[in-house]
């Protein structure tokens, strides 16, 4: 019963947050995984701010047991998906935790914070009724959230499949993840 409630809570929470996390038991050799990741990720020192000038779909960086990649969109600045991968070796098996998220959700919140700061300074309240003024203040949050979440929902499934194919493994269940302490 508790696991069922926890699963329902997690599913409800994930429908509101533009991030997804998966743990995969890797079915490829380590050198093959590295080669496949290098085929799609262009190392770039400022990958988060500026996309690499490359034909590869991602810019990012590699570390000892992890990688970070942000999707390159040649046509526009907004790259809606960030993929972080953390590798674990347990009992001579390789596992990877993949986290797909929207890197611009934080930037959106900073811009909104600045907007609300301006609202406070200039005491923006164009309507006589409190309810209409409250709606005016809440509307930017709702619009930003919806745009951020819907753009993420639209592309994360395709990118998830791309990384699942790279690792050629099986997705672990919550019980398996807890048993491995990943």
N, C-alpha and C. Protein backbone atom coordinates (compact mmCIF):
# COMPACT_ATOMS: atom_id res chain seq x y z
N UNK A 1 0.82 -1.20 0.00
CA UNK A 1 0.00 0.00 0.00
C UNK A 1 0.87 1.27 0.00
N UNK A 2 1.93 1.28 0.82
CA UNK A 2 2.80 2.45 0.90
C UNK A 2 3.54 2.65 -0.43
N UNK A 3 3.99 1.55 -1.05
CA UNK A 3 4.67 1.67 -2.34
C UNK A 3 3.72 2.21 -3.41
N UNK A 4 2.48 1.80 -3.36
CA UNK A 4 1.48 2.29 -4.32
C UNK A 4 1.25 3.79 -4.15
N UNK A 5 1.13 4.26 -2.89
CA UNK A 5 0.96 5.69 -2.63
C UNK A 5 2.20 6.47 -3.06
N UNK A 6 3.35 5.92 -2.78
CA UNK A 6 4.59 6.58 -3.17
C UNK A 6 4.69 6.70 -4.69
N UNK A 7 4.31 5.64 -5.39
CA UNK A 7 4.32 5.66 -6.85
C UNK A 7 3.34 6.70 -7.39
N UNK A 8 2.15 6.77 -6.82
CA UNK A 8 1.16 7.75 -7.26
C UNK A 8 1.65 9.17 -6.99
N UNK A 9 2.26 9.39 -5.82
CA UNK A 9 2.81 10.71 -5.48
C UNK A 9 3.90 11.11 -6.46
N UNK A 10 4.82 10.17 -6.74
CA UNK A 10 5.92 10.44 -7.67
C UNK A 10 5.39 10.76 -9.06
N UNK A 11 4.40 10.00 -9.53
CA UNK A 11 3.83 10.23 -10.85
C UNK A 11 3.15 11.60 -10.92
N UNK A 12 2.44 11.98 -9.87
CA UNK A 12 1.79 13.30 -9.81
C UNK A 12 2.83 14.40 -9.80
N UNK A 13 3.86 14.24 -9.01
CA UNK A 13 4.92 15.25 -8.92
C UNK A 13 5.64 15.42 -10.25
N UNK A 14 5.94 14.31 -10.93
CA UNK A 14 6.66 14.38 -12.20
C UNK A 14 5.82 15.00 -13.32
N UNK A 15 4.51 15.00 -13.16
CA UNK A 15 3.70 15.65 -14.19
C UNK A 15 3.79 17.16 -14.07
N UNK A 16 4.26 17.68 -12.92
CA UNK A 16 4.38 19.12 -12.73
C UNK A 16 5.81 19.64 -12.84
N UNK A 17 6.81 18.77 -12.72
CA UNK A 17 8.21 19.20 -12.75
C UNK A 17 8.84 18.78 -14.08
N UNK A 18 9.49 19.71 -14.78
CA UNK A 18 10.11 19.33 -16.06
C UNK A 18 11.46 18.63 -15.87
N UNK A 19 11.42 17.42 -15.29
CA UNK A 19 12.61 16.60 -15.11
C UNK A 19 12.20 15.13 -15.01
N UNK A 20 13.05 14.25 -15.52
CA UNK A 20 12.81 12.81 -15.44
C UNK A 20 14.13 12.13 -15.10
N UNK A 21 14.05 11.04 -14.35
CA UNK A 21 15.25 10.30 -13.95
C UNK A 21 15.02 8.81 -14.18
N UNK A 22 16.03 8.15 -14.75
CA UNK A 22 15.96 6.72 -15.02
C UNK A 22 17.29 6.10 -14.63
N UNK A 23 17.24 4.82 -14.22
CA UNK A 23 18.46 4.05 -13.98
C UNK A 23 18.42 2.86 -14.92
N UNK A 24 19.52 2.67 -15.66
CA UNK A 24 19.61 1.63 -16.68
C UNK A 24 20.80 0.74 -16.37
N UNK A 25 20.58 -0.57 -16.46
CA UNK A 25 21.70 -1.51 -16.42
C UNK A 25 22.25 -1.58 -17.84
N UNK A 26 23.49 -1.18 -18.00
CA UNK A 26 24.09 -1.02 -19.32
C UNK A 26 24.40 -2.38 -19.93
N UNK A 27 24.06 -2.55 -21.20
CA UNK A 27 24.30 -3.80 -21.91
C UNK A 27 25.46 -3.71 -22.88
N UNK A 28 26.26 -2.68 -22.82
CA UNK A 28 27.40 -2.47 -23.73
C UNK A 28 28.70 -2.46 -22.94
N UNK A 29 29.80 -2.66 -23.66
CA UNK A 29 31.12 -2.57 -23.05
C UNK A 29 31.45 -1.09 -22.80
N UNK A 30 32.26 -0.79 -21.78
CA UNK A 30 32.56 0.62 -21.46
C UNK A 30 33.14 1.41 -22.63
N UNK A 31 34.07 0.82 -23.39
CA UNK A 31 34.65 1.56 -24.51
C UNK A 31 33.62 1.84 -25.60
N UNK A 32 32.64 0.96 -25.77
CA UNK A 32 31.58 1.16 -26.76
C UNK A 32 30.64 2.29 -26.32
N UNK A 33 30.34 2.36 -25.03
CA UNK A 33 29.50 3.44 -24.49
C UNK A 33 30.18 4.78 -24.71
N UNK A 34 31.47 4.84 -24.38
CA UNK A 34 32.22 6.09 -24.54
C UNK A 34 32.22 6.53 -26.00
N UNK A 35 32.44 5.59 -26.91
CA UNK A 35 32.46 5.92 -28.33
C UNK A 35 31.09 6.46 -28.79
N UNK A 36 30.01 5.82 -28.36
CA UNK A 36 28.68 6.26 -28.76
C UNK A 36 28.36 7.65 -28.20
N UNK A 37 28.77 7.90 -26.96
CA UNK A 37 28.54 9.22 -26.38
C UNK A 37 29.36 10.29 -27.10
N UNK A 38 30.59 9.96 -27.45
CA UNK A 38 31.43 10.91 -28.17
C UNK A 38 30.90 11.18 -29.58
N UNK A 39 30.15 10.25 -30.14
CA UNK A 39 29.55 10.46 -31.46
C UNK A 39 28.43 11.51 -31.43
N UNK A 40 27.77 11.69 -30.29
CA UNK A 40 26.65 12.63 -30.25
C UNK A 40 26.91 13.87 -29.40
N UNK A 41 27.98 13.86 -28.58
CA UNK A 41 28.25 15.00 -27.69
C UNK A 41 29.57 15.67 -28.10
N UNK A 42 29.50 16.94 -28.41
CA UNK A 42 30.67 17.74 -28.74
C UNK A 42 31.19 18.39 -27.46
N UNK A 43 32.39 18.02 -26.97
CA UNK A 43 32.92 18.69 -25.77
C UNK A 43 33.10 20.19 -26.05
N UNK A 44 32.67 20.99 -25.09
CA UNK A 44 32.74 22.44 -25.27
C UNK A 44 32.85 23.07 -23.88
N UNK A 45 33.80 23.99 -23.67
CA UNK A 45 34.00 24.54 -22.32
C UNK A 45 32.82 25.38 -21.82
N UNK A 46 32.12 26.04 -22.71
CA UNK A 46 30.98 26.88 -22.30
C UNK A 46 29.68 26.31 -22.86
N UNK A 47 29.53 25.00 -22.76
CA UNK A 47 28.39 24.31 -23.36
C UNK A 47 27.05 24.81 -22.84
N UNK A 48 27.02 25.26 -21.59
CA UNK A 48 25.74 25.68 -21.01
C UNK A 48 25.28 27.01 -21.59
N UNK A 49 26.20 27.89 -21.89
CA UNK A 49 25.84 29.21 -22.41
C UNK A 49 25.77 29.26 -23.92
N UNK A 50 26.73 28.60 -24.58
CA UNK A 50 26.81 28.70 -26.04
C UNK A 50 26.91 27.30 -26.63
N UNK A 51 26.08 26.97 -27.61
CA UNK A 51 26.20 25.66 -28.23
C UNK A 51 27.47 25.56 -29.07
N UNK A 52 28.01 24.38 -29.14
CA UNK A 52 29.21 24.18 -29.96
C UNK A 52 28.83 24.26 -31.44
N UNK A 53 29.74 24.74 -32.24
CA UNK A 53 29.54 24.78 -33.70
C UNK A 53 29.89 23.38 -34.21
N UNK A 54 28.91 22.54 -34.27
CA UNK A 54 29.14 21.15 -34.61
C UNK A 54 27.89 20.55 -35.22
N UNK A 55 28.07 19.45 -35.93
CA UNK A 55 26.94 18.70 -36.48
C UNK A 55 26.36 17.74 -35.43
N UNK A 56 27.04 17.61 -34.31
CA UNK A 56 26.57 16.71 -33.26
C UNK A 56 25.36 17.33 -32.56
N UNK A 57 24.42 16.51 -32.12
CA UNK A 57 23.19 17.06 -31.54
C UNK A 57 23.34 17.65 -30.14
N UNK A 58 24.45 17.37 -29.45
CA UNK A 58 24.63 17.85 -28.08
C UNK A 58 25.99 18.52 -27.90
N UNK A 59 26.03 19.50 -26.98
CA UNK A 59 27.28 20.07 -26.48
C UNK A 59 27.36 19.67 -25.02
N UNK A 60 28.57 19.46 -24.52
CA UNK A 60 28.66 19.07 -23.12
C UNK A 60 30.06 18.86 -22.64
N UNK A 61 30.16 18.07 -21.57
CA UNK A 61 31.46 17.74 -21.01
C UNK A 61 31.43 16.34 -20.45
N UNK A 62 32.60 15.75 -20.38
CA UNK A 62 32.78 14.42 -19.83
C UNK A 62 33.65 14.52 -18.59
N UNK A 63 33.31 13.76 -17.57
CA UNK A 63 34.13 13.64 -16.37
C UNK A 63 34.42 12.17 -16.16
N UNK A 64 35.02 11.84 -15.03
CA UNK A 64 35.42 10.46 -14.78
C UNK A 64 34.22 9.50 -14.82
N UNK A 65 33.21 9.77 -14.04
CA UNK A 65 32.06 8.87 -13.97
C UNK A 65 30.76 9.54 -14.36
N UNK A 66 30.84 10.59 -15.18
CA UNK A 66 29.60 11.26 -15.56
C UNK A 66 29.78 12.05 -16.84
N UNK A 67 28.65 12.43 -17.40
CA UNK A 67 28.64 13.32 -18.54
C UNK A 67 27.46 14.26 -18.39
N UNK A 68 27.57 15.42 -19.01
CA UNK A 68 26.49 16.40 -19.05
C UNK A 68 26.39 16.88 -20.48
N UNK A 69 25.18 16.93 -21.01
CA UNK A 69 24.99 17.36 -22.39
C UNK A 69 23.73 18.21 -22.49
N UNK A 70 23.82 19.26 -23.31
CA UNK A 70 22.66 20.12 -23.58
C UNK A 70 22.44 20.09 -25.08
N UNK A 71 21.20 19.94 -25.47
CA UNK A 71 20.84 19.81 -26.88
C UNK A 71 21.19 21.07 -27.65
N UNK A 72 21.84 20.86 -28.81
CA UNK A 72 22.13 21.96 -29.73
C UNK A 72 20.93 22.13 -30.65
N UNK A 73 20.38 23.31 -30.69
CA UNK A 73 19.36 23.65 -31.68
C UNK A 73 19.96 24.74 -32.54
N UNK A 74 20.23 24.40 -33.79
CA UNK A 74 20.91 25.35 -34.67
C UNK A 74 20.06 26.58 -34.94
N UNK A 75 18.76 26.45 -34.96
CA UNK A 75 17.90 27.55 -35.35
C UNK A 75 17.63 28.58 -34.27
N UNK A 76 17.68 28.17 -33.01
CA UNK A 76 17.38 29.13 -31.94
C UNK A 76 18.27 28.92 -30.73
N UNK A 77 18.25 29.90 -29.83
CA UNK A 77 19.11 29.85 -28.65
C UNK A 77 18.57 28.90 -27.60
N UNK A 78 17.27 28.81 -27.49
CA UNK A 78 16.70 28.02 -26.40
C UNK A 78 16.85 26.53 -26.69
N UNK A 79 17.66 25.88 -25.89
CA UNK A 79 17.84 24.44 -25.98
C UNK A 79 17.07 23.85 -24.81
N UNK A 80 16.03 23.10 -25.09
CA UNK A 80 15.09 22.75 -24.05
C UNK A 80 15.44 21.51 -23.24
N UNK A 81 16.52 20.84 -23.51
CA UNK A 81 16.76 19.62 -22.75
C UNK A 81 18.25 19.49 -22.36
N UNK A 82 18.42 19.06 -21.12
CA UNK A 82 19.75 18.79 -20.57
C UNK A 82 19.74 17.34 -20.10
N UNK A 83 20.80 16.62 -20.42
CA UNK A 83 20.92 15.22 -20.02
C UNK A 83 22.16 15.08 -19.16
N UNK A 84 21.98 14.57 -17.95
CA UNK A 84 23.10 14.28 -17.05
C UNK A 84 23.14 12.77 -16.85
N UNK A 85 24.32 12.19 -16.95
CA UNK A 85 24.47 10.76 -16.74
C UNK A 85 25.52 10.48 -15.70
N UNK A 86 25.20 9.63 -14.76
CA UNK A 86 26.12 9.24 -13.68
C UNK A 86 26.32 7.72 -13.75
N UNK A 87 27.57 7.30 -13.86
CA UNK A 87 27.88 5.88 -13.99
C UNK A 87 28.24 5.27 -12.64
N UNK A 88 27.78 4.05 -12.44
CA UNK A 88 28.07 3.29 -11.21
C UNK A 88 28.52 1.89 -11.62
N UNK A 89 29.55 1.36 -10.96
CA UNK A 89 29.97 -0.02 -11.18
C UNK A 89 29.71 -0.76 -9.88
N UNK A 90 28.79 -1.71 -9.95
CA UNK A 90 28.41 -2.50 -8.78
C UNK A 90 28.40 -3.96 -9.20
N UNK A 91 29.15 -4.78 -8.49
CA UNK A 91 29.25 -6.21 -8.77
C UNK A 91 29.59 -6.48 -10.24
N UNK A 92 30.58 -5.78 -10.75
CA UNK A 92 31.07 -5.92 -12.12
C UNK A 92 30.01 -5.63 -13.18
N UNK A 93 29.00 -4.88 -12.83
CA UNK A 93 27.99 -4.43 -13.79
C UNK A 93 27.98 -2.91 -13.80
N UNK A 94 27.68 -2.36 -14.96
CA UNK A 94 27.65 -0.91 -15.11
C UNK A 94 26.20 -0.45 -15.12
N UNK A 95 25.95 0.58 -14.32
CA UNK A 95 24.62 1.20 -14.26
C UNK A 95 24.79 2.68 -14.55
N UNK A 96 23.79 3.27 -15.16
CA UNK A 96 23.83 4.70 -15.42
C UNK A 96 22.50 5.31 -14.98
N UNK A 97 22.60 6.41 -14.24
CA UNK A 97 21.42 7.20 -13.89
C UNK A 97 21.37 8.35 -14.86
N UNK A 98 20.29 8.41 -15.62
CA UNK A 98 20.10 9.48 -16.60
C UNK A 98 19.04 10.44 -16.05
N UNK A 99 19.37 11.72 -16.03
CA UNK A 99 18.43 12.75 -15.61
C UNK A 99 18.22 13.69 -16.78
N UNK A 100 16.98 13.76 -17.26
CA UNK A 100 16.61 14.67 -18.34
C UNK A 100 15.88 15.83 -17.70
N UNK A 101 16.29 17.06 -18.01
CA UNK A 101 15.64 18.22 -17.40
C UNK A 101 15.63 19.39 -18.37
N UNK A 102 14.94 20.44 -17.98
CA UNK A 102 14.89 21.67 -18.76
C UNK A 102 15.83 22.66 -18.08
N UNK A 103 16.98 22.96 -18.69
CA UNK A 103 17.94 23.85 -18.04
C UNK A 103 17.48 25.29 -17.97
N UNK A 104 16.48 25.66 -18.75
CA UNK A 104 16.04 27.04 -18.77
C UNK A 104 14.94 27.33 -17.77
N UNK A 105 14.46 26.32 -17.05
CA UNK A 105 13.44 26.58 -16.04
C UNK A 105 13.99 27.48 -14.94
N UNK A 106 15.25 27.32 -14.57
CA UNK A 106 15.87 28.18 -13.56
C UNK A 106 15.99 29.61 -14.08
N UNK A 107 16.41 29.76 -15.32
CA UNK A 107 16.52 31.10 -15.91
C UNK A 107 15.14 31.77 -15.96
N UNK A 108 14.13 30.99 -16.31
CA UNK A 108 12.77 31.54 -16.34
C UNK A 108 12.35 32.04 -14.96
N UNK A 109 12.70 31.31 -13.92
CA UNK A 109 12.33 31.73 -12.57
C UNK A 109 13.09 32.99 -12.14
N UNK A 110 14.34 33.13 -12.56
CA UNK A 110 15.11 34.34 -12.25
C UNK A 110 14.47 35.55 -12.94
N UNK A 111 14.09 35.39 -14.20
CA UNK A 111 13.43 36.48 -14.93
C UNK A 111 12.11 36.84 -14.25
N UNK A 112 11.36 35.85 -13.82
CA UNK A 112 10.11 36.13 -13.11
C UNK A 112 10.36 36.84 -11.79
N UNK A 113 11.41 36.43 -11.08
CA UNK A 113 11.75 37.10 -9.82
C UNK A 113 12.05 38.57 -10.06
N UNK A 114 12.79 38.87 -11.12
CA UNK A 114 13.08 40.26 -11.47
C UNK A 114 11.79 41.01 -11.82
N UNK A 115 10.90 40.35 -12.55
CA UNK A 115 9.62 40.97 -12.90
C UNK A 115 8.82 41.30 -11.64
N UNK A 116 8.76 40.39 -10.69
CA UNK A 116 8.02 40.65 -9.46
C UNK A 116 8.70 41.72 -8.61
N UNK A 117 10.00 41.78 -8.65
CA UNK A 117 10.72 42.84 -7.96
C UNK A 117 10.31 44.20 -8.53
N UNK A 118 10.22 44.29 -9.85
CA UNK A 118 9.76 45.53 -10.49
C UNK A 118 8.30 45.83 -10.13
N UNK A 119 7.47 44.79 -10.06
CA UNK A 119 6.08 44.97 -9.64
C UNK A 119 6.01 45.60 -8.25
N UNK A 120 6.87 45.12 -7.34
CA UNK A 120 6.87 45.65 -5.98
C UNK A 120 7.37 47.09 -5.92
N UNK A 121 8.46 47.35 -6.63
CA UNK A 121 9.03 48.70 -6.61
C UNK A 121 8.04 49.73 -7.14
N UNK A 122 7.42 49.41 -8.25
CA UNK A 122 6.52 50.37 -8.89
C UNK A 122 5.06 50.21 -8.45
N UNK A 123 4.83 49.32 -7.49
CA UNK A 123 3.49 49.09 -6.93
C UNK A 123 2.44 48.93 -8.03
N UNK A 124 2.67 47.92 -8.83
CA UNK A 124 1.78 47.66 -9.95
C UNK A 124 0.48 47.06 -9.42
N UNK A 125 -0.58 47.81 -9.57
CA UNK A 125 -1.93 47.38 -9.21
C UNK A 125 -2.91 48.19 -10.05
N UNK A 126 -3.03 47.84 -11.33
CA UNK A 126 -3.84 48.67 -12.23
C UNK A 126 -5.35 48.54 -12.01
N UNK A 127 -5.77 47.51 -11.30
CA UNK A 127 -7.20 47.29 -11.12
C UNK A 127 -7.64 47.71 -9.72
N UNK A 128 -8.92 48.05 -9.59
CA UNK A 128 -9.47 48.42 -8.28
C UNK A 128 -9.74 47.20 -7.41
N UNK A 129 -10.02 46.08 -8.02
CA UNK A 129 -10.33 44.88 -7.25
C UNK A 129 -9.07 44.07 -6.96
N UNK A 130 -8.98 43.58 -5.75
CA UNK A 130 -7.82 42.80 -5.32
C UNK A 130 -7.69 41.51 -6.15
N UNK A 131 -8.80 40.84 -6.44
CA UNK A 131 -8.77 39.58 -7.16
C UNK A 131 -8.17 39.75 -8.56
N UNK A 132 -8.50 40.80 -9.26
CA UNK A 132 -7.94 41.04 -10.59
C UNK A 132 -6.45 41.35 -10.51
N UNK A 133 -6.02 42.11 -9.50
CA UNK A 133 -4.60 42.39 -9.31
C UNK A 133 -3.83 41.11 -8.97
N UNK A 134 -4.41 40.26 -8.13
CA UNK A 134 -3.78 38.98 -7.79
C UNK A 134 -3.65 38.11 -9.04
N UNK A 135 -4.67 38.11 -9.89
CA UNK A 135 -4.62 37.35 -11.12
C UNK A 135 -3.52 37.89 -12.05
N UNK A 136 -3.38 39.20 -12.10
CA UNK A 136 -2.32 39.81 -12.90
C UNK A 136 -0.94 39.36 -12.41
N UNK A 137 -0.77 39.24 -11.11
CA UNK A 137 0.52 38.83 -10.54
C UNK A 137 0.78 37.33 -10.76
N UNK A 138 -0.24 36.52 -10.77
CA UNK A 138 -0.07 35.08 -10.90
C UNK A 138 0.04 34.65 -12.37
N UNK A 139 -0.52 35.40 -13.26
CA UNK A 139 -0.54 35.04 -14.67
C UNK A 139 0.85 34.79 -15.26
N UNK A 140 1.86 35.62 -15.02
CA UNK A 140 3.20 35.31 -15.58
C UNK A 140 3.77 33.98 -15.09
N UNK A 141 3.52 33.62 -13.85
CA UNK A 141 4.01 32.35 -13.32
C UNK A 141 3.33 31.19 -14.05
N UNK A 142 2.04 31.29 -14.22
CA UNK A 142 1.30 30.21 -14.90
C UNK A 142 1.75 30.08 -16.35
N UNK A 143 1.87 31.17 -17.05
CA UNK A 143 2.28 31.12 -18.46
C UNK A 143 3.69 30.56 -18.59
N UNK A 144 4.61 31.02 -17.76
CA UNK A 144 5.99 30.53 -17.81
C UNK A 144 6.06 29.05 -17.49
N UNK A 145 5.33 28.62 -16.48
CA UNK A 145 5.32 27.21 -16.11
C UNK A 145 4.78 26.35 -17.25
N UNK A 146 3.67 26.78 -17.83
CA UNK A 146 3.06 25.99 -18.90
C UNK A 146 3.99 25.89 -20.11
N UNK A 147 4.59 26.99 -20.50
CA UNK A 147 5.50 26.96 -21.65
C UNK A 147 6.71 26.09 -21.36
N UNK A 148 7.28 26.22 -20.17
CA UNK A 148 8.45 25.43 -19.80
C UNK A 148 8.12 23.94 -19.77
N UNK A 149 7.01 23.59 -19.15
CA UNK A 149 6.65 22.18 -19.00
C UNK A 149 6.21 21.57 -20.32
N UNK A 150 5.42 22.27 -21.11
CA UNK A 150 4.95 21.70 -22.38
C UNK A 150 6.07 21.52 -23.39
N UNK A 151 7.01 22.46 -23.45
CA UNK A 151 8.13 22.28 -24.38
C UNK A 151 8.98 21.09 -23.95
N UNK A 152 9.15 20.91 -22.65
CA UNK A 152 9.92 19.77 -22.16
C UNK A 152 9.22 18.46 -22.49
N UNK A 153 7.91 18.40 -22.22
CA UNK A 153 7.15 17.18 -22.48
C UNK A 153 7.20 16.80 -23.95
N UNK A 154 7.27 17.81 -24.80
CA UNK A 154 7.26 17.55 -26.23
C UNK A 154 8.52 16.90 -26.75
N UNK A 155 9.67 17.14 -26.14
CA UNK A 155 10.91 16.60 -26.70
C UNK A 155 11.60 15.56 -25.84
N UNK A 156 11.24 15.45 -24.56
CA UNK A 156 12.04 14.56 -23.71
C UNK A 156 11.87 13.09 -24.08
N UNK A 157 10.71 12.68 -24.55
CA UNK A 157 10.49 11.26 -24.86
C UNK A 157 11.39 10.80 -26.00
N UNK A 158 11.55 11.63 -27.03
CA UNK A 158 12.41 11.28 -28.16
C UNK A 158 13.87 11.18 -27.70
N UNK A 159 14.29 12.11 -26.86
CA UNK A 159 15.67 12.10 -26.39
C UNK A 159 15.92 10.95 -25.41
N UNK A 160 14.91 10.60 -24.63
CA UNK A 160 15.03 9.46 -23.72
C UNK A 160 15.29 8.19 -24.52
N UNK A 161 14.56 7.99 -25.60
CA UNK A 161 14.75 6.81 -26.43
C UNK A 161 16.15 6.78 -27.06
N UNK A 162 16.65 7.95 -27.45
CA UNK A 162 18.00 8.03 -28.02
C UNK A 162 19.03 7.50 -27.02
N UNK A 163 18.94 7.94 -25.76
CA UNK A 163 19.92 7.51 -24.76
C UNK A 163 19.69 6.07 -24.32
N UNK A 164 18.46 5.60 -24.31
CA UNK A 164 18.21 4.19 -24.00
C UNK A 164 18.86 3.30 -25.06
N UNK A 165 18.80 3.72 -26.34
CA UNK A 165 19.43 2.93 -27.40
C UNK A 165 20.95 2.94 -27.28
N UNK A 166 21.51 4.07 -26.86
CA UNK A 166 22.96 4.15 -26.70
C UNK A 166 23.44 3.15 -25.65
N UNK A 167 22.74 3.08 -24.54
CA UNK A 167 23.19 2.21 -23.44
C UNK A 167 22.75 0.77 -23.62
N UNK A 168 21.81 0.52 -24.53
CA UNK A 168 21.39 -0.84 -24.88
C UNK A 168 21.19 -1.71 -23.64
N UNK A 169 20.45 -1.21 -22.69
CA UNK A 169 20.25 -1.94 -21.45
C UNK A 169 18.79 -2.00 -21.05
N UNK A 170 18.58 -2.40 -19.83
CA UNK A 170 17.21 -2.46 -19.34
C UNK A 170 17.03 -1.47 -18.20
N UNK A 171 15.86 -0.92 -18.14
CA UNK A 171 15.52 0.05 -17.10
C UNK A 171 15.23 -0.69 -15.81
N UNK A 172 15.75 -0.18 -14.70
CA UNK A 172 15.55 -0.82 -13.40
C UNK A 172 14.26 -0.32 -12.75
N UNK A 173 13.66 -1.17 -11.96
CA UNK A 173 12.48 -0.79 -11.20
C UNK A 173 12.91 -0.08 -9.92
N UNK A 174 11.96 0.53 -9.24
CA UNK A 174 12.26 1.22 -7.98
C UNK A 174 12.86 0.27 -6.95
N UNK A 175 12.37 -0.95 -6.88
CA UNK A 175 12.90 -1.93 -5.91
C UNK A 175 14.35 -2.27 -6.22
N UNK A 176 14.66 -2.44 -7.50
CA UNK A 176 16.03 -2.76 -7.88
C UNK A 176 16.97 -1.59 -7.57
N UNK A 177 16.50 -0.38 -7.80
CA UNK A 177 17.31 0.82 -7.51
C UNK A 177 17.59 0.92 -6.01
N UNK A 178 16.56 0.68 -5.19
CA UNK A 178 16.74 0.73 -3.74
C UNK A 178 17.71 -0.34 -3.27
N UNK A 179 17.65 -1.54 -3.86
CA UNK A 179 18.54 -2.62 -3.46
C UNK A 179 20.00 -2.31 -3.80
N UNK A 180 20.22 -1.59 -4.90
CA UNK A 180 21.58 -1.23 -5.30
C UNK A 180 22.08 0.03 -4.61
N UNK A 181 21.20 0.78 -3.97
CA UNK A 181 21.53 2.05 -3.30
C UNK A 181 22.12 3.06 -4.28
N UNK A 182 21.48 3.17 -5.43
CA UNK A 182 21.91 4.14 -6.44
C UNK A 182 21.05 5.39 -6.31
